[in-house]
Amino acid sequence: MLFKMKGLAFLRYPCTKQKRNIMRTLVVLNLIALACTLGCAQADSVYNQQDTNTLRCFDIKNFNENQDGAGTFRYTTPDMSIRQYTLYDSDGPLTGYIEDCRELHTPYRYYYRYDTKGRLRQMKVAFYGITIGKVYFYDSLGRTTETIDYSEPYKFKLSDLIEKMKREYGCDLLNKKRVIGVHRSKGERDLKRPWYSVFYLEEEHTHYGDEYLIDGTTGETLYVLKREEWNECGSDMSDYYAMVKGLPTTIAEKYLFELNKKKGGQDKKGTKKKGKSFWRKLFD
């Protein structure tokens, strides 16, 4: 008699001990193959649903019960300060809600915008006010409709900058008490290449620190201003007078100014003094 199982054929008789062992092995292998197939199918399903299943929703009911009457609700968790507030159109009607989450111990900040039904429509992350990584936009079904990569122009990434400043200068960019500011630019109006700037205080309770200009492509330190004074009220009078005189105020402008000065000095050294002409000597 001939039996078939999963495309495998075997005779019932004669059935020796060796054949029984082979049959058990084949059955186990078939069960393992079936389990792997189901597992792979499940993993693919989870992966394909990530964009919709992991999206946040705004709890409108909880917000309405706790907001201060002016459309704002503030609360804190052990590591986060959260501010939720309503968003209105210029004409007056409600257009959605904003959730602004700031980490208490690091400079990271998370921004979420929801529609009037509490569905997530936009998400972004900031570092000292700089939008980093990708900004995501979603439709009403939670599907990604658009992404904007704000870090794309910078081959030297923010993580590289954090590591470099710690390794080379002992500057902890996650320490909000000593970092006055971290900025970056594509450099379209000045250096014509991407750059970062960092202002780091000498100590927590001081008004002096060092400012660094870092190439946003190679990570090279381009310029350092030592023991610069910081005015917590904004630009000090020295910056104002510099602007009036047409002098540079930002570190990128100061770097270019110094480069031009050096280049001008080299040009002067390379220019030979012209002697008097034959006719000038004749009539002097």
C-alpha atoms as a PDB file:
ATOM      1  CA  MET A   1       0.000   0.000   0.000  1.00  0.00           C
ATOM      2  CA  LEU A   2       1.271   3.448  -0.939  1.00  0.00           C
ATOM      3  CA  PHE A   3       0.689   6.533   1.261  1.00  0.00           C
ATOM      4  CA  LYS A   4       1.337  10.197   0.302  1.00  0.00           C
ATOM      5  CA  MET A   5       2.148  13.062   2.717  1.00  0.00           C
ATOM      6  CA  LYS A   6       3.122  16.563   1.633  1.00  0.00           C
ATOM      7  CA  GLY A   7       4.380  15.271  -1.675  1.00  0.00           C
ATOM      8  CA  LEU A   8       6.313  12.474   0.016  1.00  0.00           C
ATOM      9  CA  ALA A   9       5.560   8.857  -0.789  1.00  0.00           C
ATOM     10  CA  PHE A  10       6.447   5.817   1.278  1.00  0.00           C
ATOM     11  CA  LEU A  11       5.408   2.135   1.538  1.00  0.00           C
ATOM     12  CA  ARG A  12       3.568   0.881   4.596  1.00  0.00           C
ATOM     13  CA  TYR A  13       5.198  -2.525   4.391  1.00  0.00           C
ATOM     14  CA  PRO A  14       7.793  -3.548   5.212  1.00  0.00           C
ATOM     15  CA  CYS A  15       8.378  -0.936   7.989  1.00  0.00           C
ATOM     16  CA  THR A  16      11.707  -1.374   9.684  1.00  0.00           C
ATOM     17  CA  LYS A  17      13.070   0.669  12.604  1.00  0.00           C
ATOM     18  CA  GLN A  18      15.334   2.597  10.235  1.00  0.00           C
ATOM     19  CA  LYS A  19      12.389   3.560   8.023  1.00  0.00           C
ATOM     20  CA  ARG A  20      10.372   4.705  11.062  1.00  0.00           C
ATOM     21  CA  ASN A  21      13.208   7.040  12.064  1.00  0.00           C
ATOM     22  CA  ILE A  22      13.362   8.473   8.536  1.00  0.00           C
ATOM     23  CA  MET A  23       9.581   9.057   8.590  1.00  0.00           C
ATOM     24  CA  ARG A  24       9.781  10.911  11.944  1.00  0.00           C
ATOM     25  CA  THR A  25      12.573  13.121  10.611  1.00  0.00           C
ATOM     26  CA  LEU A  26      10.581  14.002   7.493  1.00  0.00           C
ATOM     27  CA  VAL A  27       7.506  14.907   9.555  1.00  0.00           C
ATOM     28  CA  VAL A  28       9.583  17.190  11.853  1.00  0.00           C
ATOM     29  CA  LEU A  29      11.186  18.906   8.847  1.00  0.00           C
ATOM     30  CA  ASN A  30       7.747  19.560   7.322  1.00  0.00           C
ATOM     31  CA  LEU A  31       6.472  21.081  10.565  1.00  0.00           C
ATOM     32  CA  ILE A  32       9.545  23.336  10.840  1.00  0.00           C
ATOM     33  CA  ALA A  33       9.121  24.501   7.235  1.00  0.00           C
ATOM     34  CA  LEU A  34       5.446  25.281   7.884  1.00  0.00           C
ATOM     35  CA  ALA A  35       6.275  27.267  11.036  1.00  0.00           C
ATOM     36  CA  CYS A  36       8.944  29.285   9.209  1.00  0.00           C
ATOM     37  CA  THR A  37       6.544  30.109   6.403  1.00  0.00           C
ATOM     38  CA  LEU A  38       3.887  31.355   8.821  1.00  0.00           C
ATOM     39  CA  GLY A  39       6.482  33.321  10.793  1.00  0.00           C
ATOM     40  CA  CYS A  40       7.806  35.074   7.679  1.00  0.00           C
ATOM     41  CA  ALA A  41       4.297  35.949   6.555  1.00  0.00           C
ATOM     42  CA  GLN A  42       3.504  37.432   9.972  1.00  0.00           C
ATOM     43  CA  ALA A  43       6.737  39.479  10.029  1.00  0.00           C
ATOM     44  CA  ASP A  44       5.993  40.911   6.591  1.00  0.00           C
ATOM     45  CA  SER A  45       2.498  41.844   7.725  1.00  0.00           C
ATOM     46  CA  VAL A  46       3.799  43.663  10.803  1.00  0.00           C
ATOM     47  CA  TYR A  47       6.437  45.456   8.735  1.00  0.00           C
ATOM     48  CA  ASN A  48       3.908  46.607   6.151  1.00  0.00           C
ATOM     49  CA  GLN A  49       1.623  47.953   8.872  1.00  0.00           C
ATOM     50  CA  GLN A  50       4.292  49.868  10.780  1.00  0.00           C
ATOM     51  CA  ASP A  51       3.461  53.222   9.234  1.00  0.00           C
ATOM     52  CA  THR A  52      -0.177  53.052  10.327  1.00  0.00           C
ATOM     53  CA  ASN A  53      -0.009  51.080  13.591  1.00  0.00           C
ATOM     54  CA  THR A  54       2.737  53.096  15.287  1.00  0.00           C
ATOM     55  CA  LEU A  55       1.239  56.567  14.688  1.00  0.00           C
ATOM     56  CA  ARG A  56       0.240  58.681  17.671  1.00  0.00           C
ATOM     57  CA  CYS A  57      -3.281  59.907  18.313  1.00  0.00           C
ATOM     58  CA  PHE A  58      -4.276  63.006  20.234  1.00  0.00           C
ATOM     59  CA  ASP A  59      -6.561  62.430  23.227  1.00  0.00           C
ATOM     60  CA  ILE A  60      -9.070  65.227  22.642  1.00  0.00           C
ATOM     61  CA  LYS A  61     -11.292  64.214  25.579  1.00  0.00           C
ATOM     62  CA  ASN A  62      -8.400  64.316  28.062  1.00  0.00           C
ATOM     63  CA  PHE A  63      -7.221  67.633  26.619  1.00  0.00           C
ATOM     64  CA  ASN A  64     -10.660  69.264  26.963  1.00  0.00           C
ATOM     65  CA  GLU A  65     -10.938  68.074  30.556  1.00  0.00           C
ATOM     66  CA  ASN A  66      -7.539  69.503  31.544  1.00  0.00           C
ATOM     67  CA  GLN A  67      -6.920  72.578  29.363  1.00  0.00           C
ATOM     68  CA  ASP A  68      -6.740  75.946  31.130  1.00  0.00           C
ATOM     69  CA  GLY A  69      -9.615  77.618  29.322  1.00  0.00           C
ATOM     70  CA  ALA A  70      -7.284  79.366  26.917  1.00  0.00           C
ATOM     71  CA  GLY A  71      -6.682  76.187  24.944  1.00  0.00           C
ATOM     72  CA  THR A  72      -3.442  75.040  26.625  1.00  0.00           C
ATOM     73  CA  PHE A  73      -2.614  72.003  28.766  1.00  0.00           C
ATOM     74  CA  ARG A  74       0.813  71.612  30.372  1.00  0.00           C
ATOM     75  CA  TYR A  75       2.140  68.645  32.316  1.00  0.00           C
ATOM     76  CA  THR A  76       5.413  66.858  33.014  1.00  0.00           C
ATOM     77  CA  THR A  77       6.639  63.284  33.161  1.00  0.00           C
ATOM     78  CA  PRO A  78       9.874  62.136  34.846  1.00  0.00           C
ATOM     79  CA  ASP A  79      11.879  63.035  31.724  1.00  0.00           C
ATOM     80  CA  MET A  80       9.616  65.205  29.573  1.00  0.00           C
ATOM     81  CA  SER A  81       7.873  68.589  29.659  1.00  0.00           C
ATOM     82  CA  ILE A  82       4.746  68.528  27.479  1.00  0.00           C
ATOM     83  CA  ARG A  83       2.635  71.389  26.220  1.00  0.00           C
ATOM     84  CA  GLN A  84      -0.555  70.763  24.250  1.00  0.00           C
ATOM     85  CA  TYR A  85      -2.536  73.573  22.671  1.00  0.00           C
ATOM     86  CA  THR A  86      -5.173  74.310  20.079  1.00  0.00           C
ATOM     87  CA  LEU A  87      -4.358  75.545  16.591  1.00  0.00           C
ATOM     88  CA  TYR A  88      -6.647  77.977  14.776  1.00  0.00           C
ATOM     89  CA  ASP A  89      -6.808  79.280  11.249  1.00  0.00           C
ATOM     90  CA  SER A  90      -6.378  82.996  10.637  1.00  0.00           C
ATOM     91  CA  ASP A  91     -10.121  83.187   9.967  1.00  0.00           C
ATOM     92  CA  GLY A  92     -10.966  81.720  13.350  1.00  0.00           C
ATOM     93  CA  PRO A  93     -12.018  78.040  13.049  1.00  0.00           C
ATOM     94  CA  LEU A  94     -10.132  75.262  14.841  1.00  0.00           C
ATOM     95  CA  THR A  95      -7.705  73.467  12.529  1.00  0.00           C
ATOM     96  CA  GLY A  96      -6.099  71.033  14.958  1.00  0.00           C
ATOM     97  CA  TYR A  97      -3.866  70.517  17.969  1.00  0.00           C
ATOM     98  CA  ILE A  98      -0.158  70.826  18.699  1.00  0.00           C
ATOM     99  CA  GLU A  99       1.845  68.672  21.092  1.00  0.00           C
ATOM    100  CA  ASP A 100       5.263  70.089  21.993  1.00  0.00           C
ATOM    101  CA  CYS A 101       7.424  67.641  23.984  1.00  0.00           C
ATOM    102  CA  ARG A 102      10.774  68.716  25.429  1.00  0.00           C
ATOM    103  CA  GLU A 103      13.198  66.359  27.111  1.00  0.00           C
ATOM    104  CA  LEU A 104      14.130  67.695  30.541  1.00  0.00           C
ATOM    105  CA  HIS A 105      17.736  66.511  30.565  1.00  0.00           C
ATOM    106  CA  THR A 106      18.737  66.795  26.902  1.00  0.00           C
ATOM    107  CA  PRO A 107      18.196  69.435  24.178  1.00  0.00           C
ATOM    108  CA  TYR A 108      15.900  67.225  22.082  1.00  0.00           C
ATOM    109  CA  ARG A 109      12.380  68.400  21.316  1.00  0.00           C
ATOM    110  CA  TYR A 110       9.513  66.573  19.555  1.00  0.00           C
ATOM    111  CA  TYR A 111       6.735  68.335  17.682  1.00  0.00           C
ATOM    112  CA  TYR A 112       3.422  66.718  16.666  1.00  0.00           C
ATOM    113  CA  ARG A 113       0.554  68.317  14.780  1.00  0.00           C
ATOM    114  CA  TYR A 114      -2.887  66.671  14.783  1.00  0.00           C
ATOM    115  CA  ASP A 115      -6.096  67.423  12.873  1.00  0.00           C
ATOM    116  CA  THR A 116      -9.465  68.183  14.515  1.00  0.00           C
ATOM    117  CA  LYS A 117     -10.139  64.452  14.965  1.00  0.00           C
ATOM    118  CA  GLY A 118      -6.849  63.838  16.738  1.00  0.00           C
ATOM    119  CA  ARG A 119      -5.098  62.139  13.824  1.00  0.00           C
ATOM    120  CA  LEU A 120      -1.374  62.769  13.427  1.00  0.00           C
ATOM    121  CA  ARG A 121      -0.578  64.926  10.385  1.00  0.00           C
ATOM    122  CA  GLN A 122       3.000  66.079  10.968  1.00  0.00           C
ATOM    123  CA  MET A 123       5.972  65.026  13.108  1.00  0.00           C
ATOM    124  CA  LYS A 124       9.480  66.438  13.522  1.00  0.00           C
ATOM    125  CA  VAL A 125      12.445  66.462  15.930  1.00  0.00           C
ATOM    126  CA  ALA A 126      14.634  69.418  16.918  1.00  0.00           C
ATOM    127  CA  PHE A 127      18.008  69.822  18.644  1.00  0.00           C
ATOM    128  CA  TYR A 128      18.542  73.247  20.260  1.00  0.00           C
ATOM    129  CA  GLY A 129      15.848  74.559  17.934  1.00  0.00           C
ATOM    130  CA  ILE A 130      17.411  73.034  14.799  1.00  0.00           C
ATOM    131  CA  THR A 131      15.089  70.730  12.881  1.00  0.00           C
ATOM    132  CA  ILE A 132      17.012  67.474  12.407  1.00  0.00           C
ATOM    133  CA  GLY A 133      16.387  64.311  10.448  1.00  0.00           C
ATOM    134  CA  LYS A 134      13.193  63.945   8.460  1.00  0.00           C
ATOM    135  CA  VAL A 135       9.914  65.788   8.873  1.00  0.00           C
ATOM    136  CA  TYR A 136       6.961  63.474   8.176  1.00  0.00           C
ATOM    137  CA  PHE A 137       3.543  64.428   6.821  1.00  0.00           C
ATOM    138  CA  TYR A 138       0.558  62.035   6.964  1.00  0.00           C
ATOM    139  CA  ASP A 139      -2.897  61.778   5.432  1.00  0.00           C
ATOM    140  CA  SER A 140      -6.095  61.001   7.356  1.00  0.00           C
ATOM    141  CA  LEU A 141      -5.390  57.252   7.123  1.00  0.00           C
ATOM    142  CA  GLY A 142      -1.939  57.576   8.674  1.00  0.00           C
ATOM    143  CA  ARG A 143      -0.025  57.013   5.476  1.00  0.00           C
ATOM    144  CA  THR A 144       3.133  59.022   4.829  1.00  0.00           C
ATOM    145  CA  THR A 145       2.454  61.562   2.078  1.00  0.00           C
ATOM    146  CA  GLU A 146       5.672  63.575   2.186  1.00  0.00           C
ATOM    147  CA  THR A 147       9.053  63.649   3.896  1.00  0.00           C
ATOM    148  CA  ILE A 148      11.601  66.464   4.026  1.00  0.00           C
ATOM    149  CA  ASP A 149      15.147  65.543   5.071  1.00  0.00           C
ATOM    150  CA  TYR A 150      16.651  68.557   6.832  1.00  0.00           C
ATOM    151  CA  SER A 151      19.916  66.726   7.529  1.00  0.00           C
ATOM    152  CA  GLU A 152      20.583  65.713   3.924  1.00  0.00           C
ATOM    153  CA  PRO A 153      22.932  68.653   3.068  1.00  0.00           C
ATOM    154  CA  TYR A 154      25.179  67.795   6.018  1.00  0.00           C
ATOM    155  CA  LYS A 155      27.463  64.839   5.275  1.00  0.00           C
ATOM    156  CA  PHE A 156      28.995  65.401   8.707  1.00  0.00           C
ATOM    157  CA  LYS A 157      25.985  64.400  10.783  1.00  0.00           C
ATOM    158  CA  LEU A 158      24.821  65.785  14.105  1.00  0.00           C
ATOM    159  CA  SER A 159      25.946  62.581  15.849  1.00  0.00           C
ATOM    160  CA  ASP A 160      29.406  63.129  14.335  1.00  0.00           C
ATOM    161  CA  LEU A 161      29.443  66.697  15.658  1.00  0.00           C
ATOM    162  CA  ILE A 162      28.455  65.591  19.177  1.00  0.00           C
ATOM    163  CA  GLU A 163      31.230  62.993  19.185  1.00  0.00           C
ATOM    164  CA  LYS A 164      33.849  65.384  17.757  1.00  0.00           C
ATOM    165  CA  MET A 165      33.157  68.171  20.262  1.00  0.00           C
ATOM    166  CA  LYS A 166      33.360  65.727  23.161  1.00  0.00           C
ATOM    167  CA  ARG A 167      36.522  64.032  21.923  1.00  0.00           C
ATOM    168  CA  GLU A 168      38.523  67.044  20.759  1.00  0.00           C
ATOM    169  CA  TYR A 169      37.357  69.847  23.054  1.00  0.00           C
ATOM    170  CA  GLY A 170      35.636  68.188  26.011  1.00  0.00           C
ATOM    171  CA  CYS A 171      32.350  69.881  25.108  1.00  0.00           C
ATOM    172  CA  ASP A 172      29.241  67.922  26.034  1.00  0.00           C
ATOM    173  CA  LEU A 173      26.585  69.151  23.617  1.00  0.00           C
ATOM    174  CA  LEU A 174      23.864  67.394  25.626  1.00  0.00           C
ATOM    175  CA  ASN A 175      24.613  69.643  28.612  1.00  0.00           C
ATOM    176  CA  LYS A 176      22.017  72.401  28.281  1.00  0.00           C
ATOM    177  CA  LYS A 177      23.572  74.407  31.120  1.00  0.00           C
ATOM    178  CA  ARG A 178      26.798  75.040  29.180  1.00  0.00           C
ATOM    179  CA  VAL A 179      25.669  75.085  25.559  1.00  0.00           C
ATOM    180  CA  ILE A 180      24.447  78.536  24.570  1.00  0.00           C
ATOM    181  CA  GLY A 181      23.618  77.546  21.031  1.00  0.00           C
ATOM    182  CA  VAL A 182      24.170  75.100  18.213  1.00  0.00           C
ATOM    183  CA  HIS A 183      23.439  76.403  14.741  1.00  0.00           C
ATOM    184  CA  ARG A 184      23.898  75.159  11.223  1.00  0.00           C
ATOM    185  CA  SER A 185      23.515  76.544   7.742  1.00  0.00           C
ATOM    186  CA  LYS A 186      23.792  75.399   4.144  1.00  0.00           C
ATOM    187  CA  GLY A 187      26.221  78.285   3.738  1.00  0.00           C
ATOM    188  CA  GLU A 188      24.545  79.654   0.633  1.00  0.00           C
ATOM    189  CA  ARG A 189      25.119  83.275   1.676  1.00  0.00           C
ATOM    190  CA  ASP A 190      28.582  82.997   3.188  1.00  0.00           C
ATOM    191  CA  LEU A 191      30.871  79.954   3.062  1.00  0.00           C
ATOM    192  CA  LYS A 192      29.168  78.343   0.036  1.00  0.00           C
ATOM    193  CA  ARG A 193      29.245  75.029   1.907  1.00  0.00           C
ATOM    194  CA  PRO A 194      27.366  73.638   4.938  1.00  0.00           C
ATOM    195  CA  TRP A 195      28.621  74.499   8.416  1.00  0.00           C
ATOM    196  CA  TYR A 196      27.865  74.211  12.137  1.00  0.00           C
ATOM    197  CA  SER A 197      28.575  76.660  14.926  1.00  0.00           C
ATOM    198  CA  VAL A 198      28.742  75.860  18.641  1.00  0.00           C
ATOM    199  CA  PHE A 199      28.953  78.290  21.580  1.00  0.00           C
ATOM    200  CA  TYR A 200      30.086  76.514  24.758  1.00  0.00           C
ATOM    201  CA  LEU A 201      30.511  78.220  28.135  1.00  0.00           C
ATOM    202  CA  GLU A 202      33.694  77.828  30.177  1.00  0.00           C
ATOM    203  CA  GLU A 203      31.565  77.059  33.238  1.00  0.00           C
ATOM    204  CA  GLU A 204      27.857  76.863  33.981  1.00  0.00           C
ATOM    205  CA  HIS A 205      27.612  80.246  35.725  1.00  0.00           C
ATOM    206  CA  THR A 206      29.731  82.476  33.524  1.00  0.00           C
ATOM    207  CA  HIS A 207      29.307  84.827  30.583  1.00  0.00           C
ATOM    208  CA  TYR A 208      32.385  83.673  28.695  1.00  0.00           C
ATOM    209  CA  GLY A 209      32.919  80.739  26.400  1.00  0.00           C
ATOM    210  CA  ASP A 210      34.426  79.482  23.146  1.00  0.00           C
ATOM    211  CA  GLU A 211      32.698  79.519  19.789  1.00  0.00           C
ATOM    212  CA  TYR A 212      33.512  76.941  17.112  1.00  0.00           C
ATOM    213  CA  LEU A 213      32.915  76.881  13.363  1.00  0.00           C
ATOM    214  CA  ILE A 214      32.817  73.350  11.927  1.00  0.00           C
ATOM    215  CA  ASP A 215      32.683  72.279   8.274  1.00  0.00           C
ATOM    216  CA  GLY A 216      29.364  70.498   7.668  1.00  0.00           C
ATOM    217  CA  THR A 217      30.853  68.177   5.058  1.00  0.00           C
ATOM    218  CA  THR A 218      34.289  67.167   6.327  1.00  0.00           C
ATOM    219  CA  GLY A 219      33.939  67.904  10.049  1.00  0.00           C
ATOM    220  CA  GLU A 220      37.067  70.071   9.982  1.00  0.00           C
ATOM    221  CA  THR A 221      37.326  72.846  12.564  1.00  0.00           C
ATOM    222  CA  LEU A 222      37.505  76.013  10.475  1.00  0.00           C
ATOM    223  CA  TYR A 223      37.681  78.716  13.118  1.00  0.00           C
ATOM    224  CA  VAL A 224      37.619  79.123  16.912  1.00  0.00           C
ATOM    225  CA  LEU A 225      36.873  82.277  18.887  1.00  0.00           C
ATOM    226  CA  LYS A 226      38.308  81.951  22.397  1.00  0.00           C
ATOM    227  CA  ARG A 227      36.721  83.460  25.498  1.00  0.00           C
ATOM    228  CA  GLU A 228      33.899  85.230  23.750  1.00  0.00           C
ATOM    229  CA  GLU A 229      31.461  87.181  25.892  1.00  0.00           C
ATOM    230  CA  TRP A 230      27.858  86.041  25.908  1.00  0.00           C
ATOM    231  CA  ASN A 231      25.002  88.412  26.650  1.00  0.00           C
ATOM    232  CA  GLU A 232      21.876  86.576  27.801  1.00  0.00           C
ATOM    233  CA  CYS A 233      19.735  89.517  26.688  1.00  0.00           C
ATOM    234  CA  GLY A 234      20.781  89.056  23.074  1.00  0.00           C
ATOM    235  CA  SER A 235      23.357  90.790  20.904  1.00  0.00           C
ATOM    236  CA  ASP A 236      25.500  93.170  22.922  1.00  0.00           C
ATOM    237  CA  MET A 237      26.477  96.705  21.938  1.00  0.00           C
ATOM    238  CA  SER A 238      29.738  95.538  20.373  1.00  0.00           C
ATOM    239  CA  ASP A 239      27.717  93.598  17.774  1.00  0.00           C
ATOM    240  CA  TYR A 240      25.583  96.669  17.166  1.00  0.00           C
ATOM    241  CA  TYR A 241      28.592  98.917  16.591  1.00  0.00           C
ATOM    242  CA  ALA A 242      30.179  96.274  14.355  1.00  0.00           C
ATOM    243  CA  MET A 243      27.033  96.185  12.214  1.00  0.00           C
ATOM    244  CA  VAL A 244      27.035  99.977  11.948  1.00  0.00           C
ATOM    245  CA  LYS A 245      30.660  99.931  10.812  1.00  0.00           C
ATOM    246  CA  GLY A 246      30.003  97.125   8.352  1.00  0.00           C
ATOM    247  CA  LEU A 247      32.126  94.654  10.296  1.00  0.00           C
ATOM    248  CA  PRO A 248      31.251  90.944  10.672  1.00  0.00           C
ATOM    249  CA  THR A 249      29.137  89.770  13.599  1.00  0.00           C
ATOM    250  CA  THR A 250      28.579  86.030  13.113  1.00  0.00           C
ATOM    251  CA  ILE A 251      31.378  83.489  13.405  1.00  0.00           C
ATOM    252  CA  ALA A 252      31.055  82.561   9.717  1.00  0.00           C
ATOM    253  CA  GLU A 253      31.389  86.226   8.722  1.00  0.00           C
ATOM    254  CA  LYS A 254      34.389  86.669  11.031  1.00  0.00           C
ATOM    255  CA  TYR A 255      36.048  83.600   9.540  1.00  0.00           C
ATOM    256  CA  LEU A 256      35.667  84.966   6.001  1.00  0.00           C
ATOM    257  CA  PHE A 257      36.862  88.390   7.141  1.00  0.00           C
ATOM    258  CA  GLU A 258      40.060  86.882   8.565  1.00  0.00           C
ATOM    259  CA  LEU A 259      40.607  84.830   5.408  1.00  0.00           C
ATOM    260  CA  ASN A 260      40.309  87.926   3.243  1.00  0.00           C
ATOM    261  CA  LYS A 261      42.717  89.814   5.499  1.00  0.00           C
ATOM    262  CA  LYS A 262      45.310  87.050   5.198  1.00  0.00           C
ATOM    263  CA  LYS A 263      44.811  86.836   1.462  1.00  0.00           C
ATOM    264  CA  GLY A 264      45.200  90.622   1.121  1.00  0.00           C
ATOM    265  CA  GLY A 265      48.419  90.526   3.148  1.00  0.00           C
ATOM    266  CA  GLN A 266      49.832  87.752   0.996  1.00  0.00           C
ATOM    267  CA  ASP A 267      48.935  89.665  -2.151  1.00  0.00           C
ATOM    268  CA  LYS A 268      50.789  92.726  -0.871  1.00  0.00           C
ATOM    269  CA  LYS A 269      53.868  90.684  -0.029  1.00  0.00           C
ATOM    270  CA  GLY A 270      53.840  89.112  -3.463  1.00  0.00           C
ATOM    271  CA  THR A 271      53.628  92.441  -5.255  1.00  0.00           C
ATOM    272  CA  LYS A 272      57.031  93.851  -6.102  1.00  0.00           C
ATOM    273  CA  LYS A 273      57.623  97.537  -5.615  1.00  0.00           C
ATOM    274  CA  LYS A 274      57.922  99.245  -8.947  1.00  0.00           C
ATOM    275  CA  GLY A 275      60.982 101.471  -9.333  1.00  0.00           C
ATOM    276  CA  LYS A 276      60.976 104.870 -10.984  1.00  0.00           C
ATOM    277  CA  SER A 277      60.888 104.930 -14.734  1.00  0.00           C
ATOM    278  CA  PHE A 278      63.786 106.105 -16.831  1.00  0.00           C
ATOM    279  CA  TRP A 279      62.099 109.460 -17.613  1.00  0.00           C
ATOM    280  CA  ARG A 280      61.183 110.063 -13.929  1.00  0.00           C
ATOM    281  CA  LYS A 281      64.786 109.517 -12.916  1.00  0.00           C
ATOM    282  CA  LEU A 282      65.947 111.803 -15.718  1.00  0.00           C
ATOM    283  CA  PHE A 283      63.838 114.799 -14.611  1.00  0.00           C
ATOM    284  CA  ASP A 284      63.987 114.306 -10.796  1.00  0.00           C
END
